[in-house]
Amino acid sequence: EIGDSEAIFTFDVARFSSRATSAGSAEELE
């Protein structure tokens, strides 16, 4: 938690694809 912002630390972004984009699959995020 940094101010009003939130961040997730990871070695594999595919696990958190729903957090990273409002729409689209993990492949799209990739």
PDB file of all heavy atoms in Angstrom:
ATOM      1  N   GLU A   1       0.855  -1.189   0.000  1.00  0.00           N
ATOM      2  CA  GLU A   1       0.000   0.000   0.000  1.00  0.00           C
ATOM      3  C   GLU A   1       0.890   1.238   0.000  1.00  0.00           C
ATOM      4  O   GLU A   1       1.705   1.447   0.909  1.00  0.00           O
ATOM      5  CB  GLU A   1      -0.905  -0.003   1.233  1.00  0.00           C
ATOM      6  CG  GLU A   1      -1.926  -1.136   1.220  1.00  0.00           C
ATOM      7  CD  GLU A   1      -2.765  -1.158   2.483  1.00  0.00           C
ATOM      8  OE1 GLU A   1      -3.265  -0.095   2.875  1.00  0.00           O
ATOM      9  OE2 GLU A   1      -2.883  -2.252   3.069  1.00  0.00           O
ATOM     10  N   ILE A   2       0.725   2.066  -1.047  1.00  0.00           N
ATOM     11  CA  ILE A   2       1.502   3.298  -1.212  1.00  0.00           C
ATOM     12  C   ILE A   2       0.503   4.428  -1.374  1.00  0.00           C
ATOM     13  O   ILE A   2      -0.087   4.616  -2.453  1.00  0.00           O
ATOM     14  CB  ILE A   2       2.429   3.212  -2.438  1.00  0.00           C
ATOM     15  CG1 ILE A   2       3.320   1.976  -2.352  1.00  0.00           C
ATOM     16  CG2 ILE A   2       3.288   4.465  -2.564  1.00  0.00           C
ATOM     17  CD1 ILE A   2       4.068   1.661  -3.635  1.00  0.00           C
ATOM     18  N   GLY A   3       0.238   5.186  -0.320  1.00  0.00           N
ATOM     19  CA  GLY A   3      -0.808   6.200  -0.358  1.00  0.00           C
ATOM     20  C   GLY A   3      -2.149   5.533  -0.570  1.00  0.00           C
ATOM     21  O   GLY A   3      -2.521   4.590   0.133  1.00  0.00           O
ATOM     22  N   ASP A   4      -2.914   6.030  -1.558  1.00  0.00           N
ATOM     23  CA  ASP A   4      -4.201   5.430  -1.900  1.00  0.00           C
ATOM     24  C   ASP A   4      -4.058   4.374  -2.986  1.00  0.00           C
ATOM     25  O   ASP A   4      -5.050   3.883  -3.514  1.00  0.00           O
ATOM     26  CB  ASP A   4      -5.179   6.520  -2.359  1.00  0.00           C
ATOM     27  CG  ASP A   4      -5.707   7.335  -1.184  1.00  0.00           C
ATOM     28  OD1 ASP A   4      -5.703   6.807  -0.032  1.00  0.00           O
ATOM     29  OD2 ASP A   4      -6.095   8.490  -1.405  1.00  0.00           O
ATOM     30  N   SER A   5      -2.805   4.071  -3.362  1.00  0.00           N
ATOM     31  CA  SER A   5      -2.566   3.098  -4.425  1.00  0.00           C
ATOM     32  C   SER A   5      -2.158   1.762  -3.814  1.00  0.00           C
ATOM     33  O   SER A   5      -1.619   1.691  -2.706  1.00  0.00           O
ATOM     34  CB  SER A   5      -1.473   3.594  -5.378  1.00  0.00           C
ATOM     35  OG  SER A   5      -1.819   4.849  -5.929  1.00  0.00           O
ATOM     36  N   GLU A   6      -2.411   0.712  -4.601  1.00  0.00           N
ATOM     37  CA  GLU A   6      -2.094  -0.635  -4.141  1.00  0.00           C
ATOM     38  C   GLU A   6      -1.276  -1.337  -5.220  1.00  0.00           C
ATOM     39  O   GLU A   6      -1.534  -1.195  -6.407  1.00  0.00           O
ATOM     40  CB  GLU A   6      -3.399  -1.402  -3.877  1.00  0.00           C
ATOM     41  CG  GLU A   6      -3.205  -2.803  -3.307  1.00  0.00           C
ATOM     42  CD  GLU A   6      -4.533  -3.487  -3.043  1.00  0.00           C
ATOM     43  OE1 GLU A   6      -5.154  -3.182  -2.011  1.00  0.00           O
ATOM     44  OE2 GLU A   6      -4.955  -4.292  -3.902  1.00  0.00           O
ATOM     45  N   ALA A   7      -0.271  -2.100  -4.778  1.00  0.00           N
ATOM     46  CA  ALA A   7       0.590  -2.803  -5.722  1.00  0.00           C
ATOM     47  C   ALA A   7       0.767  -4.246  -5.275  1.00  0.00           C
ATOM     48  O   ALA A   7       0.742  -4.548  -4.082  1.00  0.00           O
ATOM     49  CB  ALA A   7       1.945  -2.123  -5.820  1.00  0.00           C
ATOM     50  N   ILE A   8       0.918  -5.146  -6.240  1.00  0.00           N
ATOM     51  CA  ILE A   8       1.159  -6.555  -5.964  1.00  0.00           C
ATOM     52  C   ILE A   8       2.533  -6.915  -6.518  1.00  0.00           C
ATOM     53  O   ILE A   8       2.859  -6.606  -7.676  1.00  0.00           O
ATOM     54  CB  ILE A   8       0.089  -7.454  -6.608  1.00  0.00           C
ATOM     55  CG1 ILE A   8      -1.284  -7.142  -6.012  1.00  0.00           C
ATOM     56  CG2 ILE A   8       0.430  -8.924  -6.405  1.00  0.00           C
ATOM     57  CD1 ILE A   8      -2.412  -7.886  -6.683  1.00  0.00           C
ATOM     58  N   PHE A   9       3.345  -7.554  -5.669  1.00  0.00           N
ATOM     59  CA  PHE A   9       4.669  -8.008  -6.087  1.00  0.00           C
ATOM     60  C   PHE A   9       4.558  -9.468  -6.506  1.00  0.00           C
ATOM     61  O   PHE A   9       4.023 -10.300  -5.774  1.00  0.00           O
ATOM     62  CB  PHE A   9       5.658  -7.871  -4.930  1.00  0.00           C
ATOM     63  CG  PHE A   9       7.010  -8.420  -5.231  1.00  0.00           C
ATOM     64  CD1 PHE A   9       7.936  -7.686  -5.957  1.00  0.00           C
ATOM     65  CD2 PHE A   9       7.370  -9.705  -4.824  1.00  0.00           C
ATOM     66  CE1 PHE A   9       9.186  -8.204  -6.251  1.00  0.00           C
ATOM     67  CE2 PHE A   9       8.609 -10.226  -5.115  1.00  0.00           C
ATOM     68  CZ  PHE A   9       9.514  -9.471  -5.829  1.00  0.00           C
ATOM     69  N   THR A  10       5.066  -9.788  -7.698  1.00  0.00           N
ATOM     70  CA  THR A  10       4.947 -11.164  -8.195  1.00  0.00           C
ATOM     71  C   THR A  10       6.075 -11.488  -9.153  1.00  0.00           C
ATOM     72  O   THR A  10       6.720 -10.596  -9.724  1.00  0.00           O
ATOM     73  CB  THR A  10       3.594 -11.365  -8.909  1.00  0.00           C
ATOM     74  OG1 THR A  10       3.485 -12.719  -9.332  1.00  0.00           O
ATOM     75  CG2 THR A  10       3.484 -10.447 -10.124  1.00  0.00           C
ATOM     76  N   PHE A  11       6.310 -12.816  -9.311  1.00  0.00           N
ATOM     77  CA  PHE A  11       7.248 -13.293 -10.316  1.00  0.00           C
ATOM     78  C   PHE A  11       6.520 -13.799 -11.564  1.00  0.00           C
ATOM     79  O   PHE A  11       7.156 -14.143 -12.556  1.00  0.00           O
ATOM     80  CB  PHE A  11       8.117 -14.428  -9.748  1.00  0.00           C
ATOM     81  CG  PHE A  11       9.003 -14.004  -8.608  1.00  0.00           C
ATOM     82  CD1 PHE A  11       8.683 -14.337  -7.305  1.00  0.00           C
ATOM     83  CD2 PHE A  11      10.136 -13.247  -8.851  1.00  0.00           C
ATOM     84  CE1 PHE A  11       9.504 -13.939  -6.248  1.00  0.00           C
ATOM     85  CE2 PHE A  11      10.951 -12.846  -7.807  1.00  0.00           C
ATOM     86  CZ  PHE A  11      10.636 -13.189  -6.490  1.00  0.00           C
ATOM     87  N   ASP A  12       5.145 -13.861 -11.492  1.00  0.00           N
ATOM     88  CA  ASP A  12       4.354 -14.399 -12.597  1.00  0.00           C
ATOM     89  C   ASP A  12       3.091 -13.556 -12.743  1.00  0.00           C
ATOM     90  O   ASP A  12       2.136 -13.702 -11.983  1.00  0.00           O
ATOM     91  CB  ASP A  12       3.996 -15.856 -12.327  1.00  0.00           C
ATOM     92  CG  ASP A  12       3.317 -16.510 -13.515  1.00  0.00           C
ATOM     93  OD1 ASP A  12       3.118 -15.830 -14.551  1.00  0.00           O
ATOM     94  OD2 ASP A  12       2.970 -17.696 -13.405  1.00  0.00           O
ATOM     95  N   VAL A  13       3.058 -12.635 -13.713  1.00  0.00           N
ATOM     96  CA  VAL A  13       1.921 -11.728 -13.860  1.00  0.00           C
ATOM     97  C   VAL A  13       0.665 -12.451 -14.300  1.00  0.00           C
ATOM     98  O   VAL A  13      -0.446 -11.953 -14.118  1.00  0.00           O
ATOM     99  CB  VAL A  13       2.250 -10.605 -14.873  1.00  0.00           C
ATOM    100  CG1 VAL A  13       3.308  -9.693 -14.329  1.00  0.00           C
ATOM    101  CG2 VAL A  13       2.646 -11.177 -16.211  1.00  0.00           C
ATOM    102  N   ALA A  14       0.822 -13.635 -14.872  1.00  0.00           N
ATOM    103  CA  ALA A  14      -0.362 -14.354 -15.360  1.00  0.00           C
ATOM    104  C   ALA A  14      -1.313 -14.690 -14.216  1.00  0.00           C
ATOM    105  O   ALA A  14      -2.529 -14.802 -14.404  1.00  0.00           O
ATOM    106  CB  ALA A  14       0.055 -15.625 -16.087  1.00  0.00           C
ATOM    107  N   ARG A  15      -0.771 -14.865 -13.018  1.00  0.00           N
ATOM    108  CA  ARG A  15      -1.607 -15.195 -11.860  1.00  0.00           C
ATOM    109  C   ARG A  15      -2.555 -14.062 -11.494  1.00  0.00           C
ATOM    110  O   ARG A  15      -3.565 -14.260 -10.849  1.00  0.00           O
ATOM    111  CB  ARG A  15      -0.721 -15.505 -10.655  1.00  0.00           C
ATOM    112  CG  ARG A  15       0.117 -16.769 -10.791  1.00  0.00           C
ATOM    113  CD  ARG A  15       0.986 -16.948  -9.564  1.00  0.00           C
ATOM    114  NE  ARG A  15       0.181 -16.882  -8.350  1.00  0.00           N
ATOM    115  CZ  ARG A  15       0.654 -16.566  -7.146  1.00  0.00           C
ATOM    116  NH1 ARG A  15       1.927 -16.248  -7.015  1.00  0.00           N
ATOM    117  NH2 ARG A  15      -0.142 -16.537  -6.088  1.00  0.00           N
ATOM    118  N   PHE A  16      -2.203 -12.812 -11.892  1.00  0.00           N
ATOM    119  CA  PHE A  16      -2.982 -11.650 -11.465  1.00  0.00           C
ATOM    120  C   PHE A  16      -3.514 -10.873 -12.666  1.00  0.00           C
ATOM    121  O   PHE A  16      -3.647  -9.661 -12.628  1.00  0.00           O
ATOM    122  CB  PHE A  16      -2.107 -10.728 -10.609  1.00  0.00           C
ATOM    123  CG  PHE A  16      -1.536 -11.402  -9.395  1.00  0.00           C
ATOM    124  CD1 PHE A  16      -0.264 -11.954  -9.430  1.00  0.00           C
ATOM    125  CD2 PHE A  16      -2.283 -11.488  -8.237  1.00  0.00           C
ATOM    126  CE1 PHE A  16       0.259 -12.579  -8.313  1.00  0.00           C
ATOM    127  CE2 PHE A  16      -1.755 -12.110  -7.108  1.00  0.00           C
ATOM    128  CZ  PHE A  16      -0.486 -12.658  -7.140  1.00  0.00           C
ATOM    129  N   SER A  17      -3.821 -11.585 -13.740  1.00  0.00           N
ATOM    130  CA  SER A  17      -4.241 -10.897 -14.961  1.00  0.00           C
ATOM    131  C   SER A  17      -5.503 -10.103 -14.757  1.00  0.00           C
ATOM    132  O   SER A  17      -5.689  -9.038 -15.337  1.00  0.00           O
ATOM    133  CB  SER A  17      -4.434 -11.909 -16.090  1.00  0.00           C
ATOM    134  OG  SER A  17      -5.419 -12.869 -15.712  1.00  0.00           O
ATOM    135  N   SER A  18      -6.411 -10.565 -13.925  1.00  0.00           N
ATOM    136  CA  SER A  18      -7.667  -9.834 -13.715  1.00  0.00           C
ATOM    137  C   SER A  18      -7.431  -8.530 -12.993  1.00  0.00           C
ATOM    138  O   SER A  18      -8.184  -7.574 -13.135  1.00  0.00           O
ATOM    139  CB  SER A  18      -8.653 -10.696 -12.915  1.00  0.00           C
ATOM    140  OG  SER A  18      -8.089 -10.999 -11.643  1.00  0.00           O
ATOM    141  N   ARG A  19      -6.359  -8.456 -12.219  1.00  0.00           N
ATOM    142  CA  ARG A  19      -6.041  -7.212 -11.522  1.00  0.00           C
ATOM    143  C   ARG A  19      -5.417  -6.195 -12.476  1.00  0.00           C
ATOM    144  O   ARG A  19      -5.580  -5.011 -12.301  1.00  0.00           O
ATOM    145  CB  ARG A  19      -5.007  -7.495 -10.426  1.00  0.00           C
ATOM    146  CG  ARG A  19      -5.548  -8.334  -9.287  1.00  0.00           C
ATOM    147  CD  ARG A  19      -5.835  -7.471  -8.101  1.00  0.00           C
ATOM    148  NE  ARG A  19      -6.072  -8.236  -6.910  1.00  0.00           N
ATOM    149  CZ  ARG A  19      -5.960  -7.742  -5.698  1.00  0.00           C
ATOM    150  NH1 ARG A  19      -5.585  -6.496  -5.535  1.00  0.00           N
ATOM    151  NH2 ARG A  19      -6.237  -8.466  -4.652  1.00  0.00           N
ATOM    152  N   ALA A  20      -4.732  -6.723 -13.451  1.00  0.00           N
ATOM    153  CA  ALA A  20      -3.943  -5.818 -14.278  1.00  0.00           C
ATOM    154  C   ALA A  20      -4.727  -5.175 -15.395  1.00  0.00           C
ATOM    155  O   ALA A  20      -4.321  -4.167 -15.927  1.00  0.00           O
ATOM    156  CB  ALA A  20      -2.765  -6.575 -14.872  1.00  0.00           C
ATOM    157  N   THR A  21      -5.879  -5.757 -15.778  1.00  0.00           N
ATOM    158  CA  THR A  21      -6.642  -5.170 -16.875  1.00  0.00           C
ATOM    159  C   THR A  21      -8.121  -5.389 -16.646  1.00  0.00           C
ATOM    160  O   THR A  21      -8.536  -6.358 -16.035  1.00  0.00           O
ATOM    161  CB  THR A  21      -6.220  -5.779 -18.224  1.00  0.00           C
ATOM    162  OG1 THR A  21      -6.984  -5.195 -19.240  1.00  0.00           O
ATOM    163  CG2 THR A  21      -6.404  -7.287 -18.252  1.00  0.00           C
ATOM    164  N   SER A  22      -8.885  -4.481 -17.074  1.00  0.00           N
ATOM    165  CA  SER A  22     -10.335  -4.578 -16.877  1.00  0.00           C
ATOM    166  C   SER A  22     -10.963  -5.565 -17.830  1.00  0.00           C
ATOM    167  O   SER A  22     -12.063  -6.020 -17.617  1.00  0.00           O
ATOM    168  CB  SER A  22     -10.970  -3.198 -17.060  1.00  0.00           C
ATOM    169  OG  SER A  22     -10.666  -2.696 -18.345  1.00  0.00           O
ATOM    170  N   ALA A  23     -10.323  -5.890 -18.892  1.00  0.00           N
ATOM    171  CA  ALA A  23     -10.871  -6.845 -19.859  1.00  0.00           C
ATOM    172  C   ALA A  23      -9.733  -7.529 -20.556  1.00  0.00           C
ATOM    173  O   ALA A  23      -8.635  -7.003 -20.682  1.00  0.00           O
ATOM    174  CB  ALA A  23     -11.764  -6.131 -20.877  1.00  0.00           C
ATOM    175  N   GLY A  24      -9.977  -8.756 -21.040  1.00  0.00           N
ATOM    176  CA  GLY A  24      -8.948  -9.462 -21.790  1.00  0.00           C
ATOM    177  C   GLY A  24      -8.387 -10.614 -21.009  1.00  0.00           C
ATOM    178  O   GLY A  24      -8.437 -10.672 -19.791  1.00  0.00           O
ATOM    179  N   SER A  25      -7.846 -11.570 -21.709  1.00  0.00           N
ATOM    180  CA  SER A  25      -7.302 -12.776 -21.119  1.00  0.00           C
ATOM    181  C   SER A  25      -5.884 -12.552 -20.642  1.00  0.00           C
ATOM    182  O   SER A  25      -5.281 -11.514 -20.852  1.00  0.00           O
ATOM    183  CB  SER A  25      -7.312 -13.889 -22.164  1.00  0.00           C
ATOM    184  OG  SER A  25      -6.434 -13.530 -23.212  1.00  0.00           O
ATOM    185  N   ALA A  26      -5.341 -13.582 -19.991  1.00  0.00           N
ATOM    186  CA  ALA A  26      -3.950 -13.512 -19.549  1.00  0.00           C
ATOM    187  C   ALA A  26      -3.018 -13.368 -20.738  1.00  0.00           C
ATOM    188  O   ALA A  26      -2.001 -12.692 -20.674  1.00  0.00           O
ATOM    189  CB  ALA A  26      -3.600 -14.765 -18.759  1.00  0.00           C
ATOM    190  N   GLU A  27      -3.368 -14.029 -21.860  1.00  0.00           N
ATOM    191  CA  GLU A  27      -2.519 -13.911 -23.046  1.00  0.00           C
ATOM    192  C   GLU A  27      -2.479 -12.479 -23.563  1.00  0.00           C
ATOM    193  O   GLU A  27      -1.453 -11.966 -23.980  1.00  0.00           O
ATOM    194  CB  GLU A  27      -3.026 -14.849 -24.152  1.00  0.00           C
ATOM    195  CG  GLU A  27      -2.770 -16.326 -23.875  1.00  0.00           C
ATOM    196  CD  GLU A  27      -3.757 -16.871 -22.844  1.00  0.00           C
ATOM    197  OE1 GLU A  27      -4.795 -16.224 -22.625  1.00  0.00           O
ATOM    198  OE2 GLU A  27      -3.465 -17.923 -22.245  1.00  0.00           O
ATOM    199  N   GLU A  28      -3.704 -11.806 -23.495  1.00  0.00           N
ATOM    200  CA  GLU A  28      -3.736 -10.399 -23.916  1.00  0.00           C
ATOM    201  C   GLU A  28      -2.880  -9.544 -22.995  1.00  0.00           C
ATOM    202  O   GLU A  28      -2.158  -8.654 -23.434  1.00  0.00           O
ATOM    203  CB  GLU A  28      -5.181  -9.894 -23.914  1.00  0.00           C
ATOM    204  CG  GLU A  28      -6.050 -10.508 -24.989  1.00  0.00           C
ATOM    205  CD  GLU A  28      -7.497 -10.119 -24.825  1.00  0.00           C
ATOM    206  OE1 GLU A  28      -7.958  -9.950 -23.693  1.00  0.00           O
ATOM    207  OE2 GLU A  28      -8.160  -9.965 -25.851  1.00  0.00           O
ATOM    208  N   LEU A  29      -2.985  -9.829 -21.704  1.00  0.00           N
ATOM    209  CA  LEU A  29      -2.172  -9.081 -20.742  1.00  0.00           C
ATOM    210  C   LEU A  29      -0.688  -9.298 -21.025  1.00  0.00           C
ATOM    211  O   LEU A  29       0.108  -8.379 -20.986  1.00  0.00           O
ATOM    212  CB  LEU A  29      -2.502  -9.554 -19.323  1.00  0.00           C
ATOM    213  CG  LEU A  29      -1.617  -8.995 -18.196  1.00  0.00           C
ATOM    214  CD1 LEU A  29      -1.867  -7.512 -18.029  1.00  0.00           C
ATOM    215  CD2 LEU A  29      -1.879  -9.726 -16.896  1.00  0.00           C
ATOM    216  N   GLU A  30      -0.353 -10.570 -21.329  1.00  0.00           N
ATOM    217  CA  GLU A  30       1.037 -10.902 -21.577  1.00  0.00           C
ATOM    218  C   GLU A  30       1.618 -10.062 -22.715  1.00  0.00           C
ATOM    219  O   GLU A  30       2.672  -9.475 -22.595  1.00  0.00           O
ATOM    220  CB  GLU A  30       1.123 -12.390 -21.947  1.00  0.00           C
ATOM    221  CG  GLU A  30       2.530 -12.932 -22.042  1.00  0.00           C
ATOM    222  CD  GLU A  30       3.031 -13.427 -20.701  1.00  0.00           C
ATOM    223  OE1 GLU A  30       2.377 -13.138 -19.684  1.00  0.00           O
ATOM    224  OE2 GLU A  30       4.073 -14.084 -20.676  1.00  0.00           O
TER     225      GLU A  30
END
